[in-house]
C-alpha cells in the first residue's frame, strides 16, 4: 500500500484516540440505535446519492453515521492558494501544527487552521495529484496519491462518519472511502486502497526550518470561515468521542493521541513523552520531540496546550 519511504519521516497517521482502530457500530440513520435492514439504508441515502452503487460494500451499513452536514457541507479545497514562507509567518504561530509534505523536491505546508474547516485539499505537488486530509474527530492527518489506475480522483466529504472518522467520496464514481484506511467501503471502488504518501504533522517552526523555500496553503477566498479558530474547542480533553457508539478501549483514554505503525502496534504520546525514544526490533526508531501545540484545545491558537510530535 505504501511507496518506499525515506528513513526519517513523520508517519502520516497520528490519531487522537484509540477508538478509531476499533471495529464498532454506529447509529442507524433516522432511527436512533434501532436496527435497520440494508434496503432501508439504501432508500434513506439514495436520494442524495443516486449514482452510488450500494450493491457493493465491504462494511455493515449500520456502522455509518450521519455527521450533520450534507455532501460537501464541509467543502473540500479544489483550487488551493499558497503563499511563501515569509507571508505565512504573519499568519502562523511557531507552535501551530501543519501537515508538511515534500514530493519530488517540491515542499508545501497545509496548516490545520485551514484544513480544520475543509478536511480535504485536492492538490498537485511535485507532479503528483494528492489529497491532503485531516479528520478533526480522530486527529488523522493523512496524504493520499489520488491516482487509481488511469483515473485521477477528486475527493469530497460525504457528511458521514464511521468509527468517528471521516467518510470521503470521489466525484468520478461517487464511491465512499474511509479516510483512516484510504479504502473504498461503498460503491464501484469498494476494496480499492489509495497509496498513502509520507508526511509530517509538525509545528510551523519545524517545517519552516527544514523547507524555507516551501509554499503554504492559505484560504482561497471562496468560503467564509473563522480560520485560526477551533470549532472543536477542548475536544481532545473530552472523555468521550463525538458521534461514536460502542465499547471503548481499556487501559487508555479514548481520545489519547497515539502514533500507529500499521499492524506493528501503537504507542501513546504520554508513553513517548516519558521515554522519548523507542527502538523496534526491525530497526525502526520512534522519537518524541516538544514544540508543537494541539489544534483541538482552546479556541485561540497561541493558548493551546503543547502536545509535542513523534517522528518515525
C-alpha atoms as a PDB file:
ATOM      1  CA  UNK A   1       0.000   0.000   0.000  1.00  0.00           C
ATOM      2  CA  UNK A   2       2.880   2.363   0.738  1.00  0.00           C
ATOM      3  CA  UNK A   3       5.635   3.543  -1.518  1.00  0.00           C
ATOM      4  CA  UNK A   4       9.235   3.288  -0.387  1.00  0.00           C
ATOM      5  CA  UNK A   5       9.602   5.780   2.443  1.00  0.00           C
ATOM      6  CA  UNK A   6      12.607   7.858   3.439  1.00  0.00           C
ATOM      7  CA  UNK A   7      14.436   6.693   6.537  1.00  0.00           C
ATOM      8  CA  UNK A   8      13.202   9.567   8.715  1.00  0.00           C
ATOM      9  CA  UNK A   9       9.635  10.703   8.332  1.00  0.00           C
ATOM     10  CA  UNK A  10       6.584  11.549  10.342  1.00  0.00           C
ATOM     11  CA  UNK A  11       4.068   8.757   9.977  1.00  0.00           C
ATOM     12  CA  UNK A  12       1.026  10.289   8.353  1.00  0.00           C
ATOM     13  CA  UNK A  13      -1.440   8.737  10.809  1.00  0.00           C
ATOM     14  CA  UNK A  14      -1.395  10.478  14.194  1.00  0.00           C
ATOM     15  CA  UNK A  15      -4.670   9.724  15.920  1.00  0.00           C
ATOM     16  CA  UNK A  16      -6.474  11.459  18.758  1.00  0.00           C
ATOM     17  CA  UNK A  17      -7.836   8.207  20.093  1.00  0.00           C
ATOM     18  CA  UNK A  18      -7.502   4.505  20.017  1.00  0.00           C
ATOM     19  CA  UNK A  19     -11.229   4.466  19.228  1.00  0.00           C
ATOM     20  CA  UNK A  20     -10.530   4.867  15.507  1.00  0.00           C
ATOM     21  CA  UNK A  21      -8.812   1.488  15.438  1.00  0.00           C
ATOM     22  CA  UNK A  22     -11.757  -0.462  16.891  1.00  0.00           C
ATOM     23  CA  UNK A  23     -14.463  -2.162  14.808  1.00  0.00           C
ATOM     24  CA  UNK A  24     -17.545  -0.639  16.404  1.00  0.00           C
ATOM     25  CA  UNK A  25     -21.049   0.111  15.184  1.00  0.00           C
ATOM     26  CA  UNK A  26     -22.769   3.500  14.940  1.00  0.00           C
ATOM     27  CA  UNK A  27     -26.299   4.815  14.940  1.00  0.00           C
ATOM     28  CA  UNK A  28     -28.672   3.803  12.178  1.00  0.00           C
ATOM     29  CA  UNK A  29     -29.874   6.774  10.110  1.00  0.00           C
ATOM     30  CA  UNK A  30     -33.159   8.239  11.186  1.00  0.00           C
ATOM     31  CA  UNK A  31     -33.849   5.636  13.858  1.00  0.00           C
ATOM     32  CA  UNK A  32     -31.627   6.121  16.882  1.00  0.00           C
ATOM     33  CA  UNK A  33     -29.988   2.847  17.766  1.00  0.00           C
ATOM     34  CA  UNK A  34     -32.657   0.640  16.209  1.00  0.00           C
ATOM     35  CA  UNK A  35     -31.511  -1.879  13.661  1.00  0.00           C
ATOM     36  CA  UNK A  36     -32.273  -1.217  10.001  1.00  0.00           C
ATOM     37  CA  UNK A  37     -32.272  -3.517   7.023  1.00  0.00           C
ATOM     38  CA  UNK A  38     -29.806  -2.941   4.212  1.00  0.00           C
ATOM     39  CA  UNK A  39     -32.625  -1.851   1.889  1.00  0.00           C
ATOM     40  CA  UNK A  40     -33.786   0.742   4.397  1.00  0.00           C
ATOM     41  CA  UNK A  41     -30.332   2.291   4.498  1.00  0.00           C
ATOM     42  CA  UNK A  42     -30.191   2.426   0.715  1.00  0.00           C
ATOM     43  CA  UNK A  43     -33.620   4.079   0.490  1.00  0.00           C
ATOM     44  CA  UNK A  44     -32.535   6.626   3.082  1.00  0.00           C
ATOM     45  CA  UNK A  45     -29.324   7.513   1.228  1.00  0.00           C
ATOM     46  CA  UNK A  46     -30.335   7.097  -2.405  1.00  0.00           C
ATOM     47  CA  UNK A  47     -31.987  10.494  -2.857  1.00  0.00           C
ATOM     48  CA  UNK A  48     -28.716  12.264  -2.016  1.00  0.00           C
ATOM     49  CA  UNK A  49     -26.506   9.649  -3.680  1.00  0.00           C
ATOM     50  CA  UNK A  50     -28.331   8.451  -6.836  1.00  0.00           C
ATOM     51  CA  UNK A  51     -25.107   7.437  -8.607  1.00  0.00           C
ATOM     52  CA  UNK A  52     -23.540   5.438  -5.765  1.00  0.00           C
ATOM     53  CA  UNK A  53     -23.584   1.668  -6.299  1.00  0.00           C
ATOM     54  CA  UNK A  54     -24.943   0.482  -2.942  1.00  0.00           C
ATOM     55  CA  UNK A  55     -24.903  -3.148  -4.092  1.00  0.00           C
ATOM     56  CA  UNK A  56     -21.157  -3.117  -3.479  1.00  0.00           C
ATOM     57  CA  UNK A  57     -19.782  -2.552   0.007  1.00  0.00           C
ATOM     58  CA  UNK A  58     -17.317  -4.004   2.489  1.00  0.00           C
ATOM     59  CA  UNK A  59     -18.834  -2.770   5.757  1.00  0.00           C
ATOM     60  CA  UNK A  60     -22.042  -3.058   7.712  1.00  0.00           C
ATOM     61  CA  UNK A  61     -24.189  -0.044   6.806  1.00  0.00           C
ATOM     62  CA  UNK A  62     -25.142   0.249  10.495  1.00  0.00           C
ATOM     63  CA  UNK A  63     -21.595   1.442  11.179  1.00  0.00           C
ATOM     64  CA  UNK A  64     -22.036   4.547   9.004  1.00  0.00           C
ATOM     65  CA  UNK A  65     -23.469   7.533  10.840  1.00  0.00           C
ATOM     66  CA  UNK A  66     -24.769  10.872   9.626  1.00  0.00           C
ATOM     67  CA  UNK A  67     -22.443  13.549  10.986  1.00  0.00           C
ATOM     68  CA  UNK A  68     -24.764  16.511  10.399  1.00  0.00           C
ATOM     69  CA  UNK A  69     -23.586  18.330   7.225  1.00  0.00           C
ATOM     70  CA  UNK A  70     -24.771  17.141   3.783  1.00  0.00           C
ATOM     71  CA  UNK A  71     -22.481  16.102   0.952  1.00  0.00           C
ATOM     72  CA  UNK A  72     -19.644  18.666   0.808  1.00  0.00           C
ATOM     73  CA  UNK A  73     -21.358  20.655   3.550  1.00  0.00           C
ATOM     74  CA  UNK A  74     -17.775  20.768   4.806  1.00  0.00           C
ATOM     75  CA  UNK A  75     -16.383  21.957   1.467  1.00  0.00           C
ATOM     76  CA  UNK A  76     -13.128  20.469   0.183  1.00  0.00           C
ATOM     77  CA  UNK A  77     -10.487  22.742  -1.302  1.00  0.00           C
ATOM     78  CA  UNK A  78     -10.307  22.252  -5.059  1.00  0.00           C
ATOM     79  CA  UNK A  79      -8.463  25.429  -6.004  1.00  0.00           C
ATOM     80  CA  UNK A  80      -5.778  25.732  -3.332  1.00  0.00           C
ATOM     81  CA  UNK A  81      -3.995  29.048  -2.853  1.00  0.00           C
ATOM     82  CA  UNK A  82      -0.461  29.362  -1.469  1.00  0.00           C
ATOM     83  CA  UNK A  83       1.916  31.995  -0.135  1.00  0.00           C
ATOM     84  CA  UNK A  84       5.637  31.881   0.574  1.00  0.00           C
ATOM     85  CA  UNK A  85       7.177  31.298   3.981  1.00  0.00           C
ATOM     86  CA  UNK A  86       7.684  34.999   4.686  1.00  0.00           C
ATOM     87  CA  UNK A  87       3.994  35.751   4.155  1.00  0.00           C
ATOM     88  CA  UNK A  88       2.953  32.713   6.179  1.00  0.00           C
ATOM     89  CA  UNK A  89       4.972  33.936   9.172  1.00  0.00           C
ATOM     90  CA  UNK A  90       2.410  36.714   9.625  1.00  0.00           C
ATOM     91  CA  UNK A  91      -0.390  34.133   9.817  1.00  0.00           C
ATOM     92  CA  UNK A  92       1.002  31.128  11.670  1.00  0.00           C
ATOM     93  CA  UNK A  93       2.329  30.802  15.212  1.00  0.00           C
ATOM     94  CA  UNK A  94       5.570  28.865  15.624  1.00  0.00           C
ATOM     95  CA  UNK A  95       3.917  26.006  17.572  1.00  0.00           C
ATOM     96  CA  UNK A  96       0.959  25.743  15.221  1.00  0.00           C
ATOM     97  CA  UNK A  97       0.557  22.321  13.548  1.00  0.00           C
ATOM     98  CA  UNK A  98       0.861  21.948   9.790  1.00  0.00           C
ATOM     99  CA  UNK A  99       0.989  18.930   7.523  1.00  0.00           C
ATOM    100  CA  UNK A 100       4.420  19.088   5.938  1.00  0.00           C
ATOM    101  CA  UNK A 101       4.745  17.405   2.554  1.00  0.00           C
ATOM    102  CA  UNK A 102       7.708  17.036   0.203  1.00  0.00           C
ATOM    103  CA  UNK A 103       7.216  15.261  -3.140  1.00  0.00           C
ATOM    104  CA  UNK A 104       9.847  15.127  -5.886  1.00  0.00           C
ATOM    105  CA  UNK A 105      11.671  18.081  -4.372  1.00  0.00           C
ATOM    106  CA  UNK A 106       8.642  20.359  -4.017  1.00  0.00           C
ATOM    107  CA  UNK A 107       7.652  21.276  -0.453  1.00  0.00           C
ATOM    108  CA  UNK A 108       4.297  22.519   0.808  1.00  0.00           C
ATOM    109  CA  UNK A 109       2.715  23.066   4.221  1.00  0.00           C
ATOM    110  CA  UNK A 110      -1.003  22.638   4.864  1.00  0.00           C
ATOM    111  CA  UNK A 111      -1.923  24.355   8.162  1.00  0.00           C
ATOM    112  CA  UNK A 112      -4.549  22.636  10.276  1.00  0.00           C
ATOM    113  CA  UNK A 113      -6.135  26.040  10.894  1.00  0.00           C
ATOM    114  CA  UNK A 114      -7.282  25.856   7.256  1.00  0.00           C
ATOM    115  CA  UNK A 115      -7.909  22.113   6.917  1.00  0.00           C
ATOM    116  CA  UNK A 116      -9.972  22.184  10.125  1.00  0.00           C
ATOM    117  CA  UNK A 117     -12.756  23.818   8.088  1.00  0.00           C
ATOM    118  CA  UNK A 118     -12.329  21.833   4.851  1.00  0.00           C
ATOM    119  CA  UNK A 119     -10.846  18.439   5.837  1.00  0.00           C
ATOM    120  CA  UNK A 120      -9.695  17.724   2.265  1.00  0.00           C
ATOM    121  CA  UNK A 121      -7.449  19.646  -0.134  1.00  0.00           C
ATOM    122  CA  UNK A 122      -7.185  18.278  -3.681  1.00  0.00           C
ATOM    123  CA  UNK A 123      -3.828  19.454  -4.962  1.00  0.00           C
ATOM    124  CA  UNK A 124      -0.827  18.561  -7.129  1.00  0.00           C
ATOM    125  CA  UNK A 125       2.716  18.605  -5.746  1.00  0.00           C
ATOM    126  CA  UNK A 126       5.888  17.537  -7.491  1.00  0.00           C
ATOM    127  CA  UNK A 127       3.758  16.430 -10.438  1.00  0.00           C
ATOM    128  CA  UNK A 128       1.720  14.046  -8.248  1.00  0.00           C
ATOM    129  CA  UNK A 129      -2.031  14.605  -7.727  1.00  0.00           C
ATOM    130  CA  UNK A 130      -2.711  14.332  -3.998  1.00  0.00           C
ATOM    131  CA  UNK A 131      -5.474  14.686  -1.456  1.00  0.00           C
ATOM    132  CA  UNK A 132      -4.276  16.165   1.827  1.00  0.00           C
ATOM    133  CA  UNK A 133      -6.760  15.203   4.525  1.00  0.00           C
ATOM    134  CA  UNK A 134      -7.443  15.961   8.169  1.00  0.00           C
ATOM    135  CA  UNK A 135     -10.215  14.460  10.299  1.00  0.00           C
ATOM    136  CA  UNK A 136     -10.573  16.554  13.479  1.00  0.00           C
ATOM    137  CA  UNK A 137     -12.590  13.868  15.273  1.00  0.00           C
ATOM    138  CA  UNK A 138      -9.680  11.397  15.196  1.00  0.00           C
ATOM    139  CA  UNK A 139      -6.821  13.844  14.516  1.00  0.00           C
ATOM    140  CA  UNK A 140      -5.786  11.786  11.496  1.00  0.00           C
ATOM    141  CA  UNK A 141      -3.617  13.803   9.107  1.00  0.00           C
ATOM    142  CA  UNK A 142      -3.038  11.668   6.013  1.00  0.00           C
ATOM    143  CA  UNK A 143      -1.898  12.395   2.455  1.00  0.00           C
ATOM    144  CA  UNK A 144      -3.019  10.194  -0.434  1.00  0.00           C
ATOM    145  CA  UNK A 145      -1.923   9.833  -4.028  1.00  0.00           C
ATOM    146  CA  UNK A 146      -5.309  10.257  -5.710  1.00  0.00           C
ATOM    147  CA  UNK A 147      -4.457   8.233  -8.793  1.00  0.00           C
ATOM    148  CA  UNK A 148      -6.224   4.901  -9.201  1.00  0.00           C
ATOM    149  CA  UNK A 149      -5.228   3.143 -12.399  1.00  0.00           C
ATOM    150  CA  UNK A 150      -5.735   5.598 -15.237  1.00  0.00           C
ATOM    151  CA  UNK A 151      -8.057   7.835 -13.220  1.00  0.00           C
ATOM    152  CA  UNK A 152      -7.272  10.862 -11.089  1.00  0.00           C
ATOM    153  CA  UNK A 153      -9.934  11.095  -8.399  1.00  0.00           C
ATOM    154  CA  UNK A 154     -11.252  14.247  -6.748  1.00  0.00           C
ATOM    155  CA  UNK A 155     -12.411  13.805  -3.167  1.00  0.00           C
ATOM    156  CA  UNK A 156     -15.056  15.483  -1.050  1.00  0.00           C
ATOM    157  CA  UNK A 157     -16.796  14.949   2.283  1.00  0.00           C
ATOM    158  CA  UNK A 158     -19.912  12.772   2.480  1.00  0.00           C
ATOM    159  CA  UNK A 159     -21.057  14.310   5.771  1.00  0.00           C
ATOM    160  CA  UNK A 160     -20.908  10.807   7.225  1.00  0.00           C
ATOM    161  CA  UNK A 161     -18.697   9.118   9.782  1.00  0.00           C
ATOM    162  CA  UNK A 162     -17.623   5.595  10.544  1.00  0.00           C
ATOM    163  CA  UNK A 163     -15.952   4.958  13.898  1.00  0.00           C
ATOM    164  CA  UNK A 164     -15.835   8.733  14.416  1.00  0.00           C
ATOM    165  CA  UNK A 165     -13.754   9.029  11.240  1.00  0.00           C
ATOM    166  CA  UNK A 166     -14.471  10.973   8.063  1.00  0.00           C
ATOM    167  CA  UNK A 167     -16.034   9.111   5.135  1.00  0.00           C
ATOM    168  CA  UNK A 168     -14.908  10.724   1.858  1.00  0.00           C
ATOM    169  CA  UNK A 169     -16.397  10.332  -1.623  1.00  0.00           C
ATOM    170  CA  UNK A 170     -14.884  10.606  -5.077  1.00  0.00           C
ATOM    171  CA  UNK A 171     -16.624  12.627  -7.779  1.00  0.00           C
ATOM    172  CA  UNK A 172     -15.752  10.199 -10.554  1.00  0.00           C
ATOM    173  CA  UNK A 173     -17.636   7.125  -9.236  1.00  0.00           C
ATOM    174  CA  UNK A 174     -19.340   8.545  -6.107  1.00  0.00           C
ATOM    175  CA  UNK A 175     -17.873   5.703  -4.063  1.00  0.00           C
ATOM    176  CA  UNK A 176     -17.421   6.235  -0.327  1.00  0.00           C
ATOM    177  CA  UNK A 177     -13.963   5.984   1.239  1.00  0.00           C
ATOM    178  CA  UNK A 178     -12.822   5.502   4.839  1.00  0.00           C
ATOM    179  CA  UNK A 179     -10.253   8.236   5.409  1.00  0.00           C
ATOM    180  CA  UNK A 180      -8.333   6.410   8.141  1.00  0.00           C
ATOM    181  CA  UNK A 181      -7.659   3.480   5.810  1.00  0.00           C
ATOM    182  CA  UNK A 182      -7.712   5.210   2.436  1.00  0.00           C
ATOM    183  CA  UNK A 183     -10.031   2.416   1.325  1.00  0.00           C
ATOM    184  CA  UNK A 184     -13.301   2.489  -0.601  1.00  0.00           C
ATOM    185  CA  UNK A 185     -16.016   0.903   1.557  1.00  0.00           C
ATOM    186  CA  UNK A 186     -19.158   1.538  -0.531  1.00  0.00           C
ATOM    187  CA  UNK A 187     -19.696   1.784  -4.290  1.00  0.00           C
ATOM    188  CA  UNK A 188     -17.925   0.884  -7.505  1.00  0.00           C
ATOM    189  CA  UNK A 189     -14.456   1.303  -5.998  1.00  0.00           C
ATOM    190  CA  UNK A 190     -15.126  -0.937  -2.968  1.00  0.00           C
ATOM    191  CA  UNK A 191     -11.941  -2.651  -1.834  1.00  0.00           C
ATOM    192  CA  UNK A 192      -9.615  -0.228  -3.652  1.00  0.00           C
ATOM    193  CA  UNK A 193      -6.926   1.342  -1.500  1.00  0.00           C
ATOM    194  CA  UNK A 194      -5.206   4.650  -2.123  1.00  0.00           C
ATOM    195  CA  UNK A 195      -1.442   4.947  -1.745  1.00  0.00           C
ATOM    196  CA  UNK A 196      -0.510   6.880   1.387  1.00  0.00           C
ATOM    197  CA  UNK A 197       2.370   9.326   0.964  1.00  0.00           C
ATOM    198  CA  UNK A 198       4.838  10.088   3.769  1.00  0.00           C
ATOM    199  CA  UNK A 199       4.059  13.358   5.506  1.00  0.00           C
ATOM    200  CA  UNK A 200       4.719  15.033   8.827  1.00  0.00           C
ATOM    201  CA  UNK A 201       2.262  16.560  11.251  1.00  0.00           C
ATOM    202  CA  UNK A 202       4.693  19.103  12.679  1.00  0.00           C
ATOM    203  CA  UNK A 203       4.982  22.603  14.048  1.00  0.00           C
ATOM    204  CA  UNK A 204       5.167  25.513  11.671  1.00  0.00           C
ATOM    205  CA  UNK A 205       8.608  26.427  13.079  1.00  0.00           C
ATOM    206  CA  UNK A 206       9.993  22.963  12.403  1.00  0.00           C
ATOM    207  CA  UNK A 207       8.615  22.785   8.868  1.00  0.00           C
ATOM    208  CA  UNK A 208       9.859  26.302   8.081  1.00  0.00           C
ATOM    209  CA  UNK A 209      13.362  25.373   9.244  1.00  0.00           C
ATOM    210  CA  UNK A 210      13.577  22.273   7.041  1.00  0.00           C
ATOM    211  CA  UNK A 211      11.820  23.737   3.974  1.00  0.00           C
ATOM    212  CA  UNK A 212      12.473  27.523   3.811  1.00  0.00           C
ATOM    213  CA  UNK A 213      11.587  27.654   0.098  1.00  0.00           C
ATOM    214  CA  UNK A 214       8.212  25.979   0.561  1.00  0.00           C
ATOM    215  CA  UNK A 215       4.781  27.368  -0.154  1.00  0.00           C
ATOM    216  CA  UNK A 216       1.977  27.383   2.400  1.00  0.00           C
ATOM    217  CA  UNK A 217      -1.761  26.777   1.976  1.00  0.00           C
ATOM    218  CA  UNK A 218      -3.978  29.783   2.794  1.00  0.00           C
ATOM    219  CA  UNK A 219      -7.727  30.409   2.402  1.00  0.00           C
ATOM    220  CA  UNK A 220      -8.585  30.948  -1.268  1.00  0.00           C
ATOM    221  CA  UNK A 221     -11.405  33.424  -0.589  1.00  0.00           C
ATOM    222  CA  UNK A 222     -14.180  31.112  -1.761  1.00  0.00           C
ATOM    223  CA  UNK A 223     -15.519  30.404   1.741  1.00  0.00           C
ATOM    224  CA  UNK A 224     -16.127  32.479   4.857  1.00  0.00           C
ATOM    225  CA  UNK A 225     -14.728  30.610   7.854  1.00  0.00           C
ATOM    226  CA  UNK A 226     -13.186  31.547  11.205  1.00  0.00           C
ATOM    227  CA  UNK A 227      -9.731  30.397  10.150  1.00  0.00           C
ATOM    228  CA  UNK A 228      -7.391  30.165  13.105  1.00  0.00           C
ATOM    229  CA  UNK A 229     -10.264  29.360  15.451  1.00  0.00           C
ATOM    230  CA  UNK A 230     -11.183  25.952  16.794  1.00  0.00           C
ATOM    231  CA  UNK A 231     -14.762  24.704  16.315  1.00  0.00           C
ATOM    232  CA  UNK A 232     -13.785  21.604  18.320  1.00  0.00           C
ATOM    233  CA  UNK A 233     -12.766  23.518  21.423  1.00  0.00           C
ATOM    234  CA  UNK A 234     -11.446  21.222  24.203  1.00  0.00           C
ATOM    235  CA  UNK A 235     -12.312  18.151  22.131  1.00  0.00           C
ATOM    236  CA  UNK A 236      -9.040  16.374  22.802  1.00  0.00           C
ATOM    237  CA  UNK A 237      -9.646  16.778  26.552  1.00  0.00           C
ATOM    238  CA  UNK A 238     -13.058  15.157  26.346  1.00  0.00           C
ATOM    239  CA  UNK A 239     -13.726  11.794  27.943  1.00  0.00           C
ATOM    240  CA  UNK A 240     -15.984  10.671  25.103  1.00  0.00           C
ATOM    241  CA  UNK A 241     -15.562  10.781  21.321  1.00  0.00           C
ATOM    242  CA  UNK A 242     -18.216  12.567  19.259  1.00  0.00           C
ATOM    243  CA  UNK A 243     -20.814  10.509  17.379  1.00  0.00           C
ATOM    244  CA  UNK A 244     -19.264   7.215  18.354  1.00  0.00           C
ATOM    245  CA  UNK A 245     -21.123   4.195  19.564  1.00  0.00           C
ATOM    246  CA  UNK A 246     -19.774   1.002  21.058  1.00  0.00           C
ATOM    247  CA  UNK A 247     -17.246  -0.238  23.603  1.00  0.00           C
ATOM    248  CA  UNK A 248     -14.287   1.983  24.422  1.00  0.00           C
ATOM    249  CA  UNK A 249     -10.685   0.813  24.736  1.00  0.00           C
ATOM    250  CA  UNK A 250      -9.421  -0.260  28.139  1.00  0.00           C
ATOM    251  CA  UNK A 251      -6.264   0.982  29.790  1.00  0.00           C
ATOM    252  CA  UNK A 252      -6.068   4.186  27.735  1.00  0.00           C
ATOM    253  CA  UNK A 253      -8.312   7.280  27.457  1.00  0.00           C
ATOM    254  CA  UNK A 254     -10.375   7.010  24.244  1.00  0.00           C
ATOM    255  CA  UNK A 255      -9.104  10.363  22.943  1.00  0.00           C
ATOM    256  CA  UNK A 256      -5.450   9.851  23.826  1.00  0.00           C
ATOM    257  CA  UNK A 257      -3.143  10.606  20.924  1.00  0.00           C
ATOM    258  CA  UNK A 258      -1.345   7.554  19.622  1.00  0.00           C
ATOM    259  CA  UNK A 259       1.162   7.018  16.843  1.00  0.00           C
ATOM    260  CA  UNK A 260       0.464   3.899  14.816  1.00  0.00           C
ATOM    261  CA  UNK A 261       2.707   1.772  12.640  1.00  0.00           C
ATOM    262  CA  UNK A 262       0.224  -0.316  10.724  1.00  0.00           C
ATOM    263  CA  UNK A 263      -0.087  -3.758  12.258  1.00  0.00           C
ATOM    264  CA  UNK A 264       3.123  -3.353  14.244  1.00  0.00           C
ATOM    265  CA  UNK A 265       1.325  -1.572  17.056  1.00  0.00           C
ATOM    266  CA  UNK A 266       0.516   1.802  18.567  1.00  0.00           C
ATOM    267  CA  UNK A 267       2.246   3.953  21.170  1.00  0.00           C
ATOM    268  CA  UNK A 268       0.527   6.668  23.187  1.00  0.00           C
ATOM    269  CA  UNK A 269       2.064  10.119  23.193  1.00  0.00           C
ATOM    270  CA  UNK A 270       2.161  10.018  27.005  1.00  0.00           C
ATOM    271  CA  UNK A 271       4.349   6.919  26.737  1.00  0.00           C
ATOM    272  CA  UNK A 272       6.511   8.599  24.101  1.00  0.00           C
ATOM    273  CA  UNK A 273       6.901  11.769  26.195  1.00  0.00           C
ATOM    274  CA  UNK A 274       8.180   9.689  29.114  1.00  0.00           C
ATOM    275  CA  UNK A 275      10.556   7.565  27.048  1.00  0.00           C
ATOM    276  CA  UNK A 276      11.440   9.996  24.240  1.00  0.00           C
ATOM    277  CA  UNK A 277      12.875   7.222  22.040  1.00  0.00           C
ATOM    278  CA  UNK A 278      11.610   3.717  21.236  1.00  0.00           C
ATOM    279  CA  UNK A 279      13.693   1.271  19.188  1.00  0.00           C
ATOM    280  CA  UNK A 280      11.843  -1.571  17.456  1.00  0.00           C
ATOM    281  CA  UNK A 281      13.342  -4.927  16.595  1.00  0.00           C
ATOM    282  CA  UNK A 282      13.148  -4.202  12.861  1.00  0.00           C
ATOM    283  CA  UNK A 283      15.426  -1.174  13.190  1.00  0.00           C
ATOM    284  CA  UNK A 284      12.614   1.412  13.247  1.00  0.00           C
ATOM    285  CA  UNK A 285      13.027   4.252  15.736  1.00  0.00           C
ATOM    286  CA  UNK A 286      10.171   6.348  17.125  1.00  0.00           C
ATOM    287  CA  UNK A 287      11.064   9.681  18.741  1.00  0.00           C
ATOM    288  CA  UNK A 288       9.068  12.327  20.573  1.00  0.00           C
ATOM    289  CA  UNK A 289      10.046  15.989  20.493  1.00  0.00           C
ATOM    290  CA  UNK A 290       8.487  19.078  22.126  1.00  0.00           C
ATOM    291  CA  UNK A 291       7.417  22.279  20.406  1.00  0.00           C
ATOM    292  CA  UNK A 292       4.043  21.508  18.835  1.00  0.00           C
ATOM    293  CA  UNK A 293       0.612  22.650  20.005  1.00  0.00           C
ATOM    294  CA  UNK A 294      -2.718  20.860  19.848  1.00  0.00           C
ATOM    295  CA  UNK A 295      -5.113  22.026  17.149  1.00  0.00           C
ATOM    296  CA  UNK A 296      -8.100  20.825  19.183  1.00  0.00           C
ATOM    297  CA  UNK A 297      -7.607  22.506  22.550  1.00  0.00           C
ATOM    298  CA  UNK A 298      -8.534  26.135  23.242  1.00  0.00           C
ATOM    299  CA  UNK A 299     -10.141  28.450  20.716  1.00  0.00           C
ATOM    300  CA  UNK A 300      -7.091  30.666  20.244  1.00  0.00           C
ATOM    301  CA  UNK A 301      -4.004  29.212  18.600  1.00  0.00           C
ATOM    302  CA  UNK A 302      -1.484  30.931  20.878  1.00  0.00           C
ATOM    303  CA  UNK A 303      -3.063  29.498  24.034  1.00  0.00           C
ATOM    304  CA  UNK A 304      -3.279  25.860  23.000  1.00  0.00           C
ATOM    305  CA  UNK A 305      -1.502  23.275  25.098  1.00  0.00           C
ATOM    306  CA  UNK A 306       1.700  21.629  23.958  1.00  0.00           C
ATOM    307  CA  UNK A 307       1.471  18.007  22.841  1.00  0.00           C
ATOM    308  CA  UNK A 308       4.769  17.576  21.014  1.00  0.00           C
ATOM    309  CA  UNK A 309       5.321  15.421  17.958  1.00  0.00           C
ATOM    310  CA  UNK A 310       6.563  11.948  17.171  1.00  0.00           C
ATOM    311  CA  UNK A 311       8.901  11.148  14.305  1.00  0.00           C
ATOM    312  CA  UNK A 312       9.364   7.666  12.864  1.00  0.00           C
END
